[in-house]
């Protein structure tokens, strides 16, 4: 269940990051509430995952994969550019997350 918790935490992290854009500086009520709920859900699910994972592994995977997911969805939803340098960076983040997963006890 640890990795399921972390996966759900990552989804909440992506929703939080994308939702922050929709809040328009937290001036829109519904997106603001949903964004805050996503943040709380992500932290809660991360805390469940960290019962079994080292914080260095769990937090790094949470932020790394969450960041990549945010960039990919940002490109799809907000038409943000993904350059070759960004693709290489994403590959490094994903590779690092995979290595962390493989070395986690």
N, C-alpha and C. Protein backbone atom coordinates (compact mmCIF):
# COMPACT_ATOMS: atom_id res chain seq x y z
N UNK A 1 0.82 -1.21 0.00
CA UNK A 1 0.00 0.00 0.00
C UNK A 1 0.85 1.27 0.00
N UNK A 2 2.09 1.15 0.45
CA UNK A 2 2.96 2.33 0.54
C UNK A 2 3.08 3.05 -0.79
N UNK A 3 3.30 2.29 -1.85
CA UNK A 3 3.49 2.90 -3.17
C UNK A 3 2.17 3.42 -3.74
N UNK A 4 1.07 2.81 -3.34
CA UNK A 4 -0.25 3.32 -3.74
C UNK A 4 -0.47 4.68 -3.09
N UNK A 5 -0.18 4.77 -1.79
CA UNK A 5 -0.30 6.05 -1.09
C UNK A 5 0.55 7.12 -1.77
N UNK A 6 1.77 6.75 -2.12
CA UNK A 6 2.66 7.71 -2.76
C UNK A 6 2.12 8.11 -4.14
N UNK A 7 1.59 7.15 -4.88
CA UNK A 7 1.01 7.46 -6.18
C UNK A 7 -0.17 8.43 -6.07
N UNK A 8 -1.03 8.21 -5.10
CA UNK A 8 -2.17 9.11 -4.89
C UNK A 8 -1.66 10.48 -4.45
N UNK A 9 -0.64 10.50 -3.60
CA UNK A 9 -0.05 11.77 -3.17
C UNK A 9 0.49 12.55 -4.36
N UNK A 10 1.09 11.85 -5.30
CA UNK A 10 1.61 12.50 -6.51
C UNK A 10 0.47 13.10 -7.33
N UNK A 11 -0.62 12.37 -7.47
CA UNK A 11 -1.78 12.91 -8.20
C UNK A 11 -2.32 14.17 -7.53
N UNK A 12 -2.40 14.15 -6.21
CA UNK A 12 -2.82 15.35 -5.48
C UNK A 12 -1.83 16.50 -5.68
N UNK A 13 -0.56 16.18 -5.71
CA UNK A 13 0.48 17.20 -5.91
C UNK A 13 0.31 17.87 -7.27
N UNK A 14 0.05 17.08 -8.29
CA UNK A 14 -0.17 17.62 -9.63
C UNK A 14 -1.43 18.48 -9.65
N UNK A 15 -2.50 17.99 -9.02
CA UNK A 15 -3.75 18.77 -8.97
C UNK A 15 -3.54 20.08 -8.23
N UNK A 16 -2.75 20.05 -7.16
CA UNK A 16 -2.45 21.26 -6.41
C UNK A 16 -1.70 22.27 -7.27
N UNK A 17 -0.67 21.81 -7.95
CA UNK A 17 0.14 22.72 -8.76
C UNK A 17 -0.68 23.32 -9.91
N UNK A 18 -1.43 22.49 -10.60
CA UNK A 18 -2.25 22.99 -11.70
C UNK A 18 -3.39 23.86 -11.18
N UNK A 19 -3.96 23.48 -10.06
CA UNK A 19 -5.05 24.26 -9.46
C UNK A 19 -4.62 25.64 -9.03
N UNK A 20 -3.38 25.76 -8.60
CA UNK A 20 -2.87 27.07 -8.17
C UNK A 20 -2.99 28.09 -9.29
N UNK A 21 -2.76 27.65 -10.51
CA UNK A 21 -2.90 28.53 -11.67
C UNK A 21 -4.35 29.00 -11.83
N UNK A 22 -5.29 28.10 -11.56
CA UNK A 22 -6.71 28.42 -11.74
C UNK A 22 -7.26 29.33 -10.66
N UNK A 23 -6.55 29.46 -9.54
CA UNK A 23 -7.07 30.29 -8.45
C UNK A 23 -6.94 31.78 -8.73
N UNK A 24 -6.10 32.13 -9.71
CA UNK A 24 -5.82 33.55 -10.03
C UNK A 24 -5.41 34.30 -8.76
N UNK A 25 -4.38 33.76 -8.11
CA UNK A 25 -3.87 34.40 -6.89
C UNK A 25 -4.78 34.19 -5.69
N UNK A 26 -5.47 33.06 -5.67
CA UNK A 26 -6.44 32.72 -4.62
C UNK A 26 -7.54 33.77 -4.49
N UNK A 27 -7.96 34.30 -5.64
CA UNK A 27 -9.07 35.26 -5.66
C UNK A 27 -10.37 34.60 -6.13
N UNK A 28 -10.30 33.36 -6.58
CA UNK A 28 -11.49 32.63 -7.03
C UNK A 28 -11.78 31.53 -6.01
N UNK A 29 -12.97 31.55 -5.43
CA UNK A 29 -13.30 30.70 -4.29
C UNK A 29 -13.23 29.20 -4.60
N UNK A 30 -13.96 28.73 -5.58
CA UNK A 30 -14.03 27.28 -5.82
C UNK A 30 -12.66 26.71 -6.19
N UNK A 31 -11.93 27.28 -7.15
CA UNK A 31 -10.60 26.73 -7.43
C UNK A 31 -9.66 26.82 -6.23
N UNK A 32 -9.81 27.86 -5.44
CA UNK A 32 -8.95 28.02 -4.25
C UNK A 32 -9.22 26.91 -3.24
N UNK A 33 -10.49 26.63 -2.98
CA UNK A 33 -10.84 25.57 -2.03
C UNK A 33 -10.36 24.21 -2.54
N UNK A 34 -10.60 23.93 -3.82
CA UNK A 34 -10.17 22.66 -4.40
C UNK A 34 -8.64 22.51 -4.37
N UNK A 35 -7.95 23.60 -4.62
CA UNK A 35 -6.49 23.59 -4.59
C UNK A 35 -5.97 23.31 -3.18
N UNK A 36 -6.57 23.94 -2.20
CA UNK A 36 -6.16 23.71 -0.81
C UNK A 36 -6.48 22.28 -0.37
N UNK A 37 -7.61 21.74 -0.82
CA UNK A 37 -7.94 20.34 -0.51
C UNK A 37 -6.95 19.39 -1.17
N UNK A 38 -6.55 19.70 -2.39
CA UNK A 38 -5.55 18.86 -3.07
C UNK A 38 -4.22 18.90 -2.33
N UNK A 39 -3.83 20.08 -1.86
CA UNK A 39 -2.58 20.20 -1.10
C UNK A 39 -2.66 19.38 0.18
N UNK A 40 -3.77 19.50 0.90
CA UNK A 40 -3.93 18.75 2.14
C UNK A 40 -3.96 17.25 1.87
N UNK A 41 -4.67 16.84 0.81
CA UNK A 41 -4.72 15.42 0.47
C UNK A 41 -3.36 14.87 0.10
N UNK A 42 -2.59 15.66 -0.63
CA UNK A 42 -1.25 15.22 -1.01
C UNK A 42 -0.34 15.04 0.19
N UNK A 43 -0.39 15.98 1.10
CA UNK A 43 0.45 15.89 2.29
C UNK A 43 0.03 14.72 3.17
N UNK A 44 -1.29 14.53 3.29
CA UNK A 44 -1.78 13.41 4.09
C UNK A 44 -1.34 12.07 3.50
N UNK A 45 -1.55 11.91 2.19
CA UNK A 45 -1.17 10.65 1.56
C UNK A 45 0.35 10.44 1.60
N UNK A 46 1.11 11.51 1.45
CA UNK A 46 2.56 11.40 1.58
C UNK A 46 2.92 10.93 2.99
N UNK A 47 2.24 11.47 3.99
CA UNK A 47 2.54 11.07 5.37
C UNK A 47 2.27 9.59 5.59
N UNK A 48 1.24 9.06 4.92
CA UNK A 48 0.97 7.61 5.03
C UNK A 48 2.09 6.81 4.37
N UNK A 49 2.55 7.27 3.21
CA UNK A 49 3.63 6.58 2.51
C UNK A 49 4.92 6.61 3.33
N UNK A 50 5.14 7.73 4.03
CA UNK A 50 6.38 7.88 4.79
C UNK A 50 6.41 7.03 6.06
N UNK A 51 5.33 6.34 6.35
CA UNK A 51 5.37 5.38 7.46
C UNK A 51 6.34 4.25 7.14
N UNK A 52 6.44 3.91 5.84
CA UNK A 52 7.30 2.81 5.41
C UNK A 52 8.53 3.26 4.63
N UNK A 53 8.44 4.42 3.98
CA UNK A 53 9.54 4.90 3.16
C UNK A 53 10.40 5.89 3.93
N UNK A 54 11.68 5.92 3.60
CA UNK A 54 12.54 6.99 4.12
C UNK A 54 12.05 8.30 3.53
N UNK A 55 12.10 9.36 4.30
CA UNK A 55 11.64 10.65 3.82
C UNK A 55 12.43 11.10 2.60
N UNK A 56 13.71 10.76 2.54
CA UNK A 56 14.52 11.16 1.39
C UNK A 56 14.02 10.51 0.10
N UNK A 57 13.54 9.30 0.19
CA UNK A 57 13.02 8.60 -0.98
C UNK A 57 11.61 9.09 -1.31
N UNK A 58 10.72 9.05 -0.33
CA UNK A 58 9.33 9.42 -0.55
C UNK A 58 9.15 10.84 -1.03
N UNK A 59 9.79 11.77 -0.36
CA UNK A 59 9.62 13.18 -0.71
C UNK A 59 10.22 13.48 -2.08
N UNK A 60 11.37 12.89 -2.37
CA UNK A 60 12.01 13.13 -3.65
C UNK A 60 11.17 12.60 -4.81
N UNK A 61 10.63 11.41 -4.65
CA UNK A 61 9.77 10.86 -5.69
C UNK A 61 8.49 11.68 -5.82
N UNK A 62 7.91 12.07 -4.70
CA UNK A 62 6.67 12.88 -4.69
C UNK A 62 6.86 14.18 -5.46
N UNK A 63 7.92 14.89 -5.13
CA UNK A 63 8.13 16.18 -5.80
C UNK A 63 8.63 16.00 -7.23
N UNK A 64 9.49 15.01 -7.47
CA UNK A 64 10.05 14.82 -8.80
C UNK A 64 9.00 14.39 -9.82
N UNK A 65 8.29 13.32 -9.51
CA UNK A 65 7.27 12.83 -10.43
C UNK A 65 6.10 13.82 -10.50
N UNK A 66 5.77 14.43 -9.37
CA UNK A 66 4.74 15.47 -9.37
C UNK A 66 5.12 16.63 -10.27
N UNK A 67 6.38 17.01 -10.24
CA UNK A 67 6.86 18.09 -11.09
C UNK A 67 6.81 17.74 -12.57
N UNK A 68 7.21 16.54 -12.90
CA UNK A 68 7.16 16.09 -14.29
C UNK A 68 5.70 16.04 -14.76
N UNK A 69 4.82 15.50 -13.94
CA UNK A 69 3.42 15.44 -14.30
C UNK A 69 2.82 16.82 -14.49
N UNK A 70 3.22 17.75 -13.65
CA UNK A 70 2.74 19.12 -13.76
C UNK A 70 3.20 19.76 -15.06
N UNK A 71 4.44 19.53 -15.43
CA UNK A 71 4.97 20.11 -16.67
C UNK A 71 4.27 19.50 -17.88
N UNK A 72 4.09 18.20 -17.88
CA UNK A 72 3.43 17.54 -19.02
C UNK A 72 1.99 18.05 -19.15
N UNK A 73 1.26 18.06 -18.05
CA UNK A 73 -0.13 18.53 -18.11
C UNK A 73 -0.20 20.04 -18.37
N UNK A 74 0.79 20.77 -17.89
CA UNK A 74 0.85 22.20 -18.19
C UNK A 74 1.00 22.44 -19.69
N UNK A 75 1.79 21.59 -20.33
CA UNK A 75 1.95 21.70 -21.79
C UNK A 75 0.65 21.37 -22.51
N UNK A 76 -0.04 20.36 -22.02
CA UNK A 76 -1.29 19.95 -22.65
C UNK A 76 -2.40 20.97 -22.39
N UNK A 77 -2.57 21.35 -21.14
CA UNK A 77 -3.69 22.21 -20.77
C UNK A 77 -3.46 23.69 -21.04
N UNK A 78 -2.21 24.15 -20.83
CA UNK A 78 -1.92 25.58 -20.91
C UNK A 78 -1.02 25.93 -22.09
N UNK A 79 -0.74 24.94 -22.94
CA UNK A 79 0.08 25.15 -24.15
C UNK A 79 1.49 25.66 -23.82
N UNK A 80 2.04 25.20 -22.68
CA UNK A 80 3.42 25.57 -22.33
C UNK A 80 4.38 24.75 -23.19
N UNK A 81 5.51 25.34 -23.54
CA UNK A 81 6.49 24.67 -24.42
C UNK A 81 7.32 23.65 -23.66
N UNK A 82 7.57 22.53 -24.30
CA UNK A 82 8.51 21.53 -23.78
C UNK A 82 9.67 21.47 -24.75
N UNK A 83 10.83 21.93 -24.29
CA UNK A 83 12.03 21.97 -25.12
C UNK A 83 12.85 20.69 -24.94
N UNK A 84 13.86 20.53 -25.77
CA UNK A 84 14.76 19.37 -25.66
C UNK A 84 15.44 19.36 -24.29
N UNK A 85 15.86 20.51 -23.82
CA UNK A 85 16.51 20.58 -22.51
C UNK A 85 15.55 20.14 -21.41
N UNK A 86 14.29 20.51 -21.53
CA UNK A 86 13.31 20.08 -20.53
C UNK A 86 13.10 18.57 -20.60
N UNK A 87 13.05 18.02 -21.81
CA UNK A 87 12.89 16.57 -21.95
C UNK A 87 14.03 15.81 -21.30
N UNK A 88 15.25 16.30 -21.48
CA UNK A 88 16.41 15.67 -20.85
C UNK A 88 16.30 15.77 -19.33
N UNK A 89 15.88 16.92 -18.86
CA UNK A 89 15.71 17.10 -17.41
C UNK A 89 14.66 16.15 -16.85
N UNK A 90 13.54 16.00 -17.57
CA UNK A 90 12.50 15.08 -17.12
C UNK A 90 13.02 13.65 -17.07
N UNK A 91 13.79 13.27 -18.07
CA UNK A 91 14.36 11.93 -18.11
C UNK A 91 15.26 11.69 -16.90
N UNK A 92 16.02 12.70 -16.52
CA UNK A 92 16.89 12.58 -15.34
C UNK A 92 16.06 12.42 -14.07
N UNK A 93 14.98 13.19 -13.95
CA UNK A 93 14.12 13.10 -12.77
C UNK A 93 13.48 11.72 -12.69
N UNK A 94 12.93 11.25 -13.81
CA UNK A 94 12.28 9.94 -13.81
C UNK A 94 13.30 8.84 -13.55
N UNK A 95 14.47 8.94 -14.16
CA UNK A 95 15.53 7.97 -13.91
C UNK A 95 15.94 7.94 -12.45
N UNK A 96 16.07 9.11 -11.86
CA UNK A 96 16.41 9.18 -10.44
C UNK A 96 15.33 8.57 -9.56
N UNK A 97 14.07 8.84 -9.89
CA UNK A 97 12.96 8.26 -9.12
C UNK A 97 12.95 6.76 -9.23
N UNK A 98 13.23 6.24 -10.42
CA UNK A 98 13.27 4.78 -10.60
C UNK A 98 14.41 4.19 -9.77
N UNK A 99 15.57 4.83 -9.81
CA UNK A 99 16.69 4.32 -9.01
C UNK A 99 16.38 4.37 -7.51
N UNK A 100 15.72 5.43 -7.06
CA UNK A 100 15.33 5.51 -5.65
C UNK A 100 14.37 4.37 -5.30
N UNK A 101 13.42 4.11 -6.19
CA UNK A 101 12.46 3.03 -5.96
C UNK A 101 13.17 1.68 -5.88
N UNK A 102 14.12 1.46 -6.77
CA UNK A 102 14.83 0.19 -6.80
C UNK A 102 15.72 -0.02 -5.59
N UNK A 103 16.18 1.07 -5.00
CA UNK A 103 17.08 0.95 -3.85
C UNK A 103 16.34 1.11 -2.53
N UNK A 104 15.03 1.38 -2.55
CA UNK A 104 14.27 1.55 -1.31
C UNK A 104 14.10 0.19 -0.64
N UNK A 105 14.19 0.19 0.66
CA UNK A 105 14.04 -1.05 1.42
C UNK A 105 12.59 -1.32 1.70
